[in-house]
Amino acid sequence: MTKSYDRTAQRERTRQAILEGARQLLSEGKTVSVTAAAAVNGVSKATSYRYFSDASVLVAEAVLDVSVKPYDAVVAGAQDLRGKLKAICLYFLDLSLENEAGFRQFLAAAMTEWRAGSTTTARGGRRVKMFRQALSEHDTGLSRQQRDTLVRALSASTGLEAMIALTDVAGATQKQARETTAFMVDAIVDRTFVKAN
């Protein structure tokens, strides 16, 4: 494993420790601040603000993070890599559609933080981890750069961002949004593997 992946894994563990601290405070009915959530699992104040500069974003993400199924449940029944990637994309789109109000609230808080000039690290990444896990389970013949490009393209085709583009901008119904997401996965996968060969 490379140093870059070690650092990424450590950052994810730290981020999850802060989110878990926020969930614990919420379950105890306590006020959530960034430093209080970090302190639950021994993360320093200075470190915590590299991940979350605003408690509202932390709370919104902590609440949303609870409802995400594990990878194995998301891809259950998928027969091949394409099926797994499609299952992941449709799962995150459905999650956004089912929790639309909370996701939009989270986006509003994140945009407020961005406008205020926040330099915190990027949010989420659950879909990215699932895409990478699916790719790691198959001999794709793709270079690292091609895998990274594929993960980025798939990440852009699902979740809250895709829901907004499909429903708000393109006027799609939920059914049409799902059909379009499945179409995008097929197009991205086809393009990736034709280009790789």
Protein backbone atom coordinates (compact mmCIF):
# COMPACT_ATOMS: atom_id res chain seq x y z
CA MET A 1 0.00 0.00 0.00
CA THR A 2 1.41 3.43 -0.92
CA LYS A 3 1.97 6.31 1.47
CA SER A 4 -0.72 8.28 -0.36
CA TYR A 5 -3.32 5.57 0.31
CA ASP A 6 -2.12 5.29 3.95
CA ARG A 7 -2.68 9.03 4.41
CA THR A 8 -6.09 8.83 2.72
CA ALA A 9 -7.10 5.95 4.99
CA GLN A 10 -5.92 7.84 8.08
CA ARG A 11 -7.84 10.97 7.04
CA GLU A 12 -10.97 8.87 6.54
CA ARG A 13 -10.56 7.26 10.00
CA THR A 14 -10.16 10.70 11.59
CA ARG A 15 -13.18 12.04 9.73
CA GLN A 16 -15.29 9.06 10.78
CA ALA A 17 -14.16 9.48 14.39
CA ILE A 18 -15.46 13.07 14.37
CA LEU A 19 -18.75 12.02 12.73
CA GLU A 20 -19.17 9.19 15.26
CA GLY A 21 -18.56 11.68 18.06
CA ALA A 22 -21.28 13.94 16.65
CA ARG A 23 -23.71 11.01 16.44
CA GLN A 24 -22.95 10.05 20.04
CA LEU A 25 -23.59 13.61 21.27
CA LEU A 26 -26.83 13.72 19.28
CA SER A 27 -27.99 10.40 20.77
CA GLU A 28 -27.30 11.79 24.26
CA GLY A 29 -29.26 14.96 23.49
CA LYS A 30 -26.18 17.15 23.89
CA THR A 31 -25.25 20.20 21.86
CA VAL A 32 -22.89 19.36 19.01
CA SER A 33 -19.89 21.54 18.31
CA VAL A 34 -16.97 20.57 16.13
CA THR A 35 -14.56 20.43 19.06
CA ALA A 36 -16.96 18.50 21.31
CA ALA A 37 -17.61 15.89 18.62
CA ALA A 38 -13.89 15.50 17.97
CA ALA A 39 -13.09 15.21 21.68
CA VAL A 40 -15.38 12.18 22.08
CA ASN A 41 -12.83 10.07 20.21
CA GLY A 42 -9.68 11.96 21.14
CA VAL A 43 -9.30 14.10 18.02
CA SER A 44 -7.70 17.46 18.74
CA LYS A 45 -9.43 20.79 18.21
CA ALA A 46 -6.86 21.85 15.59
CA THR A 47 -7.30 18.62 13.64
CA SER A 48 -11.09 18.70 13.87
CA TYR A 49 -11.30 22.07 12.12
CA ARG A 50 -9.40 20.68 9.14
CA TYR A 51 -12.40 18.42 8.55
CA PHE A 52 -15.37 20.51 9.66
CA SER A 53 -15.37 24.25 10.31
CA ASP A 54 -19.10 24.48 10.95
CA ALA A 55 -21.22 22.44 13.36
CA SER A 56 -24.29 22.57 11.09
CA VAL A 57 -22.42 20.79 8.29
CA LEU A 58 -21.05 18.25 10.76
CA VAL A 59 -24.51 17.52 12.19
CA ALA A 60 -26.12 17.28 8.76
CA GLU A 61 -23.50 14.83 7.52
CA ALA A 62 -23.51 12.81 10.75
CA VAL A 63 -27.27 12.32 10.46
CA LEU A 64 -27.10 11.41 6.76
CA ASP A 65 -24.15 9.07 7.26
CA VAL A 66 -26.16 6.80 9.56
CA SER A 67 -28.55 5.73 6.83
CA VAL A 68 -25.96 4.41 4.36
CA LYS A 69 -26.01 0.63 3.84
CA PRO A 70 -22.75 -1.32 3.81
CA TYR A 71 -21.13 -2.10 0.46
CA ASP A 72 -22.11 -5.79 0.47
CA ALA A 73 -25.79 -4.94 0.91
CA VAL A 74 -25.66 -2.33 -1.86
CA VAL A 75 -24.15 -4.68 -4.46
CA ALA A 76 -25.98 -7.85 -3.36
CA GLY A 77 -27.27 -9.67 -6.41
CA ALA A 78 -25.02 -7.87 -8.90
CA GLN A 79 -23.53 -10.40 -11.31
CA ASP A 80 -20.53 -8.45 -12.64
CA LEU A 81 -18.56 -5.21 -12.30
CA ARG A 82 -21.04 -3.24 -14.43
CA GLY A 83 -23.88 -4.49 -12.23
CA LYS A 84 -22.04 -3.47 -9.07
CA LEU A 85 -21.25 0.00 -10.39
CA LYS A 86 -24.85 0.46 -11.51
CA ALA A 87 -26.17 -0.77 -8.14
CA ILE A 88 -23.95 1.73 -6.31
CA CYS A 89 -25.05 4.63 -8.54
CA LEU A 90 -28.74 3.77 -8.24
CA TYR A 91 -28.42 3.28 -4.48
CA PHE A 92 -26.93 6.75 -3.93
CA LEU A 93 -29.47 8.36 -6.25
CA ASP A 94 -32.31 6.60 -4.40
CA LEU A 95 -30.81 7.64 -1.06
CA SER A 96 -30.88 11.26 -2.22
CA LEU A 97 -34.44 10.99 -3.50
CA GLU A 98 -35.66 9.32 -0.30
CA ASN A 99 -33.91 11.85 1.96
CA GLU A 100 -34.31 14.87 -0.29
CA ALA A 101 -35.08 17.43 2.41
CA GLY A 102 -32.13 16.41 4.58
CA PHE A 103 -29.75 16.26 1.63
CA ARG A 104 -30.82 19.69 0.40
CA GLN A 105 -30.35 21.05 3.93
CA PHE A 106 -26.88 19.54 4.01
CA LEU A 107 -26.06 21.10 0.62
CA ALA A 108 -27.26 24.50 1.82
CA ALA A 109 -25.02 24.27 4.89
CA ALA A 110 -22.06 23.13 2.78
CA MET A 111 -22.56 26.00 0.31
CA THR A 112 -22.79 28.52 3.15
CA GLU A 113 -19.52 27.17 4.51
CA TRP A 114 -17.93 27.36 1.04
CA ARG A 115 -19.08 30.95 0.54
CA ALA A 116 -17.53 31.84 3.87
CA GLY A 117 -14.17 30.70 2.49
CA SER A 118 -13.87 27.40 4.34
CA THR A 119 -10.75 25.38 3.56
CA THR A 120 -11.97 22.14 5.14
CA THR A 121 -11.43 18.84 3.39
CA ALA A 122 -13.96 17.45 0.94
CA ARG A 123 -17.11 15.87 2.32
CA GLY A 124 -18.45 12.39 2.09
CA GLY A 125 -16.79 10.06 -0.32
CA ARG A 126 -18.88 7.01 0.56
CA ARG A 127 -19.72 6.40 -3.09
CA VAL A 128 -16.06 6.79 -4.04
CA LYS A 129 -15.05 4.11 -1.55
CA MET A 130 -17.71 1.75 -2.89
CA PHE A 131 -16.69 2.30 -6.51
CA ARG A 132 -13.05 1.62 -5.59
CA GLN A 133 -14.01 -1.53 -3.70
CA ALA A 134 -16.00 -2.83 -6.67
CA LEU A 135 -13.07 -2.16 -8.99
CA SER A 136 -10.65 -3.88 -6.60
CA GLU A 137 -12.73 -7.06 -6.84
CA HIS A 138 -12.26 -7.42 -10.61
CA ASP A 139 -9.29 -7.67 -12.94
CA THR A 140 -10.18 -4.69 -15.12
CA GLY A 141 -6.91 -4.17 -16.97
CA LEU A 142 -7.29 -0.44 -16.31
CA SER A 143 -4.37 1.75 -15.32
CA ARG A 144 -4.57 3.65 -12.06
CA GLN A 145 -5.32 6.86 -13.99
CA GLN A 146 -8.14 5.15 -15.91
CA ARG A 147 -9.63 3.75 -12.67
CA ASP A 148 -9.47 7.20 -11.06
CA THR A 149 -11.16 8.79 -14.09
CA LEU A 150 -13.88 6.11 -14.03
CA VAL A 151 -14.52 6.69 -10.31
CA ARG A 152 -14.77 10.46 -10.83
CA ALA A 153 -17.17 10.05 -13.76
CA LEU A 154 -19.40 7.64 -11.85
CA SER A 155 -19.31 9.89 -8.77
CA ALA A 156 -20.66 12.77 -10.84
CA SER A 157 -23.53 10.65 -12.17
CA THR A 158 -25.22 9.93 -8.84
CA GLY A 159 -26.13 11.29 -5.43
CA LEU A 160 -27.44 14.69 -4.51
CA GLU A 161 -25.68 16.49 -7.34
CA ALA A 162 -27.16 14.22 -9.99
CA MET A 163 -30.58 14.39 -8.33
CA ILE A 164 -30.56 18.18 -8.58
CA ALA A 165 -29.36 18.15 -12.18
CA LEU A 166 -31.93 15.56 -13.21
CA THR A 167 -34.99 16.73 -11.27
CA ASP A 168 -34.46 20.49 -10.90
CA VAL A 169 -32.64 21.27 -14.12
CA ALA A 170 -33.86 18.57 -16.55
CA GLY A 171 -37.33 18.16 -15.02
CA ALA A 172 -37.08 14.37 -14.71
CA THR A 173 -39.46 12.32 -12.61
CA GLN A 174 -37.92 9.96 -10.07
CA LYS A 175 -38.40 7.06 -12.49
CA GLN A 176 -36.77 9.02 -15.32
CA ALA A 177 -33.91 10.03 -13.02
CA ARG A 178 -33.22 6.35 -12.23
CA GLU A 179 -33.41 5.38 -15.91
CA THR A 180 -31.06 8.21 -16.85
CA THR A 181 -28.60 7.26 -14.11
CA ALA A 182 -28.53 3.66 -15.35
CA PHE A 183 -27.99 4.98 -18.90
CA MET A 184 -25.08 7.14 -17.72
CA VAL A 185 -23.41 4.20 -15.96
CA ASP A 186 -23.63 2.10 -19.14
CA ALA A 187 -22.25 4.97 -21.24
CA ILE A 188 -19.37 5.64 -18.83
CA VAL A 189 -18.45 1.97 -18.48
CA ASP A 190 -18.65 1.38 -22.25
CA ARG A 191 -16.48 4.42 -22.96
CA THR A 192 -13.93 3.47 -20.29
CA PHE A 193 -13.39 -0.09 -21.47
CA VAL A 194 -13.41 0.75 -25.21
CA LYS A 195 -10.82 3.45 -24.58
CA ALA A 196 -8.74 1.11 -22.41
CA ASN A 197 -8.45 -1.49 -25.20
